[in-house]
Amino acid sequence: MERDAKKMRGDKPFVFSNMKTGDGLNEIIAFIKEHGMLA
């Protein structure tokens, strides 16, 4: 899956997550905060 994500997204960021267990959630929250995607 990682290889496919890199192929399709190129240099754009991605993170594998599992919202049921919360795995990867902190990385997603940090990205949103860092890039100011909230008003």
PDB file of N, CA and C in Angstrom:
ATOM      1  N   MET A   1       0.811  -1.197   0.000  1.00  0.00           N
ATOM      2  CA  MET A   1       0.000   0.000   0.000  1.00  0.00           C
ATOM      3  C   MET A   1       0.852   1.258   0.000  1.00  0.00           C
ATOM      4  N   GLU A   2       1.943   1.225   0.737  1.00  0.00           N
ATOM      5  CA  GLU A   2       2.808   2.406   0.780  1.00  0.00           C
ATOM      6  C   GLU A   2       3.372   2.713  -0.605  1.00  0.00           C
ATOM      7  N   ARG A   3       3.787   1.686  -1.313  1.00  0.00           N
ATOM      8  CA  ARG A   3       4.326   1.883  -2.661  1.00  0.00           C
ATOM      9  C   ARG A   3       3.279   2.529  -3.569  1.00  0.00           C
ATOM     10  N   ASP A   4       2.055   2.052  -3.497  1.00  0.00           N
ATOM     11  CA  ASP A   4       0.979   2.606  -4.320  1.00  0.00           C
ATOM     12  C   ASP A   4       0.686   4.055  -3.950  1.00  0.00           C
ATOM     13  N   ALA A   5       0.688   4.354  -2.663  1.00  0.00           N
ATOM     14  CA  ALA A   5       0.433   5.723  -2.219  1.00  0.00           C
ATOM     15  C   ALA A   5       1.519   6.661  -2.733  1.00  0.00           C
ATOM     16  N   LYS A   6       2.774   6.239  -2.640  1.00  0.00           N
ATOM     17  CA  LYS A   6       3.875   7.067  -3.143  1.00  0.00           C
ATOM     18  C   LYS A   6       3.769   7.262  -4.650  1.00  0.00           C
ATOM     19  N   LYS A   7       3.372   6.220  -5.351  1.00  0.00           N
ATOM     20  CA  LYS A   7       3.232   6.306  -6.806  1.00  0.00           C
ATOM     21  C   LYS A   7       2.143   7.305  -7.186  1.00  0.00           C
ATOM     22  N   MET A   8       1.022   7.248  -6.522  1.00  0.00           N
ATOM     23  CA  MET A   8      -0.110   8.099  -6.875  1.00  0.00           C
ATOM     24  C   MET A   8       0.023   9.522  -6.330  1.00  0.00           C
ATOM     25  N   ARG A   9       0.616   9.683  -5.153  1.00  0.00           N
ATOM     26  CA  ARG A   9       0.691  10.999  -4.515  1.00  0.00           C
ATOM     27  C   ARG A   9       2.005  11.718  -4.786  1.00  0.00           C
ATOM     28  N   GLY A  10       3.001  11.006  -5.241  1.00  0.00           N
ATOM     29  CA  GLY A  10       4.288  11.644  -5.498  1.00  0.00           C
ATOM     30  C   GLY A  10       4.881  12.180  -4.210  1.00  0.00           C
ATOM     31  N   ASP A  11       5.186  13.479  -4.184  1.00  0.00           N
ATOM     32  CA  ASP A  11       5.783  14.107  -2.998  1.00  0.00           C
ATOM     33  C   ASP A  11       4.744  14.576  -1.981  1.00  0.00           C
ATOM     34  N   LYS A  12       3.476  14.417  -2.299  1.00  0.00           N
ATOM     35  CA  LYS A  12       2.424  14.869  -1.382  1.00  0.00           C
ATOM     36  C   LYS A  12       2.366  13.945  -0.170  1.00  0.00           C
ATOM     37  N   PRO A  13       2.020  14.496   0.989  1.00  0.00           N
ATOM     38  CA  PRO A  13       2.011  13.690   2.218  1.00  0.00           C
ATOM     39  C   PRO A  13       0.847  12.697   2.255  1.00  0.00           C
ATOM     40  N   PHE A  14       1.058  11.632   2.997  1.00  0.00           N
ATOM     41  CA  PHE A  14      -0.001  10.663   3.267  1.00  0.00           C
ATOM     42  C   PHE A  14       0.312   9.980   4.580  1.00  0.00           C
ATOM     43  N   VAL A  15      -0.703   9.465   5.208  1.00  0.00           N
ATOM     44  CA  VAL A  15      -0.521   8.710   6.448  1.00  0.00           C
ATOM     45  C   VAL A  15      -1.528   7.565   6.444  1.00  0.00           C
ATOM     46  N   PHE A  16      -1.085   6.414   6.884  1.00  0.00           N
ATOM     47  CA  PHE A  16      -1.986   5.288   7.043  1.00  0.00           C
ATOM     48  C   PHE A  16      -2.622   5.408   8.423  1.00  0.00           C
ATOM     49  N   SER A  17      -3.917   5.239   8.479  1.00  0.00           N
ATOM     50  CA  SER A  17      -4.609   5.412   9.751  1.00  0.00           C
ATOM     51  C   SER A  17      -5.691   4.357   9.932  1.00  0.00           C
ATOM     52  N   ASN A  18      -6.102   4.234  11.173  1.00  0.00           N
ATOM     53  CA  ASN A  18      -7.207   3.361  11.540  1.00  0.00           C
ATOM     54  C   ASN A  18      -8.030   4.142  12.549  1.00  0.00           C
ATOM     55  N   MET A  19      -9.127   4.715  12.102  1.00  0.00           N
ATOM     56  CA  MET A  19      -9.930   5.557  12.981  1.00  0.00           C
ATOM     57  C   MET A  19     -10.625   4.755  14.079  1.00  0.00           C
ATOM     58  N   LYS A  20     -10.801   3.478  13.854  1.00  0.00           N
ATOM     59  CA  LYS A  20     -11.427   2.640  14.880  1.00  0.00           C
ATOM     60  C   LYS A  20     -10.527   2.519  16.106  1.00  0.00           C
ATOM     61  N   THR A  21      -9.221   2.377  15.875  1.00  0.00           N
ATOM     62  CA  THR A  21      -8.275   2.232  16.985  1.00  0.00           C
ATOM     63  C   THR A  21      -7.565   3.537  17.324  1.00  0.00           C
ATOM     64  N   GLY A  22      -7.674   4.541  16.427  1.00  0.00           N
ATOM     65  CA  GLY A  22      -6.995   5.816  16.643  1.00  0.00           C
ATOM     66  C   GLY A  22      -5.568   5.831  16.126  1.00  0.00           C
ATOM     67  N   ASP A  23      -5.137   4.745  15.538  1.00  0.00           N
ATOM     68  CA  ASP A  23      -3.776   4.661  15.009  1.00  0.00           C
ATOM     69  C   ASP A  23      -3.604   5.653  13.855  1.00  0.00           C
ATOM     70  N   GLY A  24      -2.624   6.549  13.970  1.00  0.00           N
ATOM     71  CA  GLY A  24      -2.363   7.550  12.942  1.00  0.00           C
ATOM     72  C   GLY A  24      -3.134   8.841  13.131  1.00  0.00           C
ATOM     73  N   LEU A  25      -4.055   8.870  14.069  1.00  0.00           N
ATOM     74  CA  LEU A  25      -4.888  10.052  14.279  1.00  0.00           C
ATOM     75  C   LEU A  25      -4.075  11.270  14.695  1.00  0.00           C
ATOM     76  N   ASN A  26      -3.093  11.095  15.557  1.00  0.00           N
ATOM     77  CA  ASN A  26      -2.272  12.231  15.994  1.00  0.00           C
ATOM     78  C   ASN A  26      -1.529  12.872  14.829  1.00  0.00           C
ATOM     79  N   GLU A  27      -1.062  12.072  13.900  1.00  0.00           N
ATOM     80  CA  GLU A  27      -0.372  12.608  12.728  1.00  0.00           C
ATOM     81  C   GLU A  27      -1.322  13.434  11.866  1.00  0.00           C
ATOM     82  N   ILE A  28      -2.549  12.982  11.733  1.00  0.00           N
ATOM     83  CA  ILE A  28      -3.543  13.715  10.947  1.00  0.00           C
ATOM     84  C   ILE A  28      -3.879  15.041  11.618  1.00  0.00           C
ATOM     85  N   ILE A  29      -4.088  15.023  12.922  1.00  0.00           N
ATOM     86  CA  ILE A  29      -4.392  16.248  13.667  1.00  0.00           C
ATOM     87  C   ILE A  29      -3.240  17.232  13.555  1.00  0.00           C
ATOM     88  N   ALA A  30      -2.007  16.760  13.702  1.00  0.00           N
ATOM     89  CA  ALA A  30      -0.833  17.634  13.603  1.00  0.00           C
ATOM     90  C   ALA A  30      -0.739  18.264  12.219  1.00  0.00           C
ATOM     91  N   PHE A  31      -1.019  17.503  11.170  1.00  0.00           N
ATOM     92  CA  PHE A  31      -0.972  18.034   9.807  1.00  0.00           C
ATOM     93  C   PHE A  31      -2.001  19.145   9.631  1.00  0.00           C
ATOM     94  N   ILE A  32      -3.211  18.912  10.098  1.00  0.00           N
ATOM     95  CA  ILE A  32      -4.266  19.924   9.971  1.00  0.00           C
ATOM     96  C   ILE A  32      -3.885  21.189  10.728  1.00  0.00           C
ATOM     97  N   LYS A  33      -3.370  21.046  11.936  1.00  0.00           N
ATOM     98  CA  LYS A  33      -2.960  22.216  12.725  1.00  0.00           C
ATOM     99  C   LYS A  33      -1.811  22.959  12.058  1.00  0.00           C
ATOM    100  N   GLU A  34      -0.820  22.238  11.584  1.00  0.00           N
ATOM    101  CA  GLU A  34       0.375  22.844  10.994  1.00  0.00           C
ATOM    102  C   GLU A  34       0.063  23.601   9.712  1.00  0.00           C
ATOM    103  N   HIS A  35      -0.835  23.075   8.923  1.00  0.00           N
ATOM    104  CA  HIS A  35      -1.112  23.671   7.621  1.00  0.00           C
ATOM    105  C   HIS A  35      -2.315  24.605   7.637  1.00  0.00           C
ATOM    106  N   GLY A  36      -2.832  24.884   8.832  1.00  0.00           N
ATOM    107  CA  GLY A  36      -3.887  25.878   8.986  1.00  0.00           C
ATOM    108  C   GLY A  36      -5.155  25.587   8.207  1.00  0.00           C
ATOM    109  N   MET A  37      -5.562  24.357   8.193  1.00  0.00           N
ATOM    110  CA  MET A  37      -6.745  23.998   7.419  1.00  0.00           C
ATOM    111  C   MET A  37      -8.040  24.229   8.201  1.00  0.00           C
ATOM    112  N   LEU A  38      -7.937  24.855   9.361  1.00  0.00           N
ATOM    113  CA  LEU A  38      -9.114  25.199  10.151  1.00  0.00           C
ATOM    114  C   LEU A  38      -9.192  26.708  10.280  1.00  0.00           C
ATOM    115  N   ALA A  39     -10.377  27.241  10.227  1.00  0.00           N
ATOM    116  CA  ALA A  39     -10.561  28.695  10.327  1.00  0.00           C
ATOM    117  C   ALA A  39     -10.393  29.160  11.753  1.00  0.00           C
TER     118      ALA A  39
END
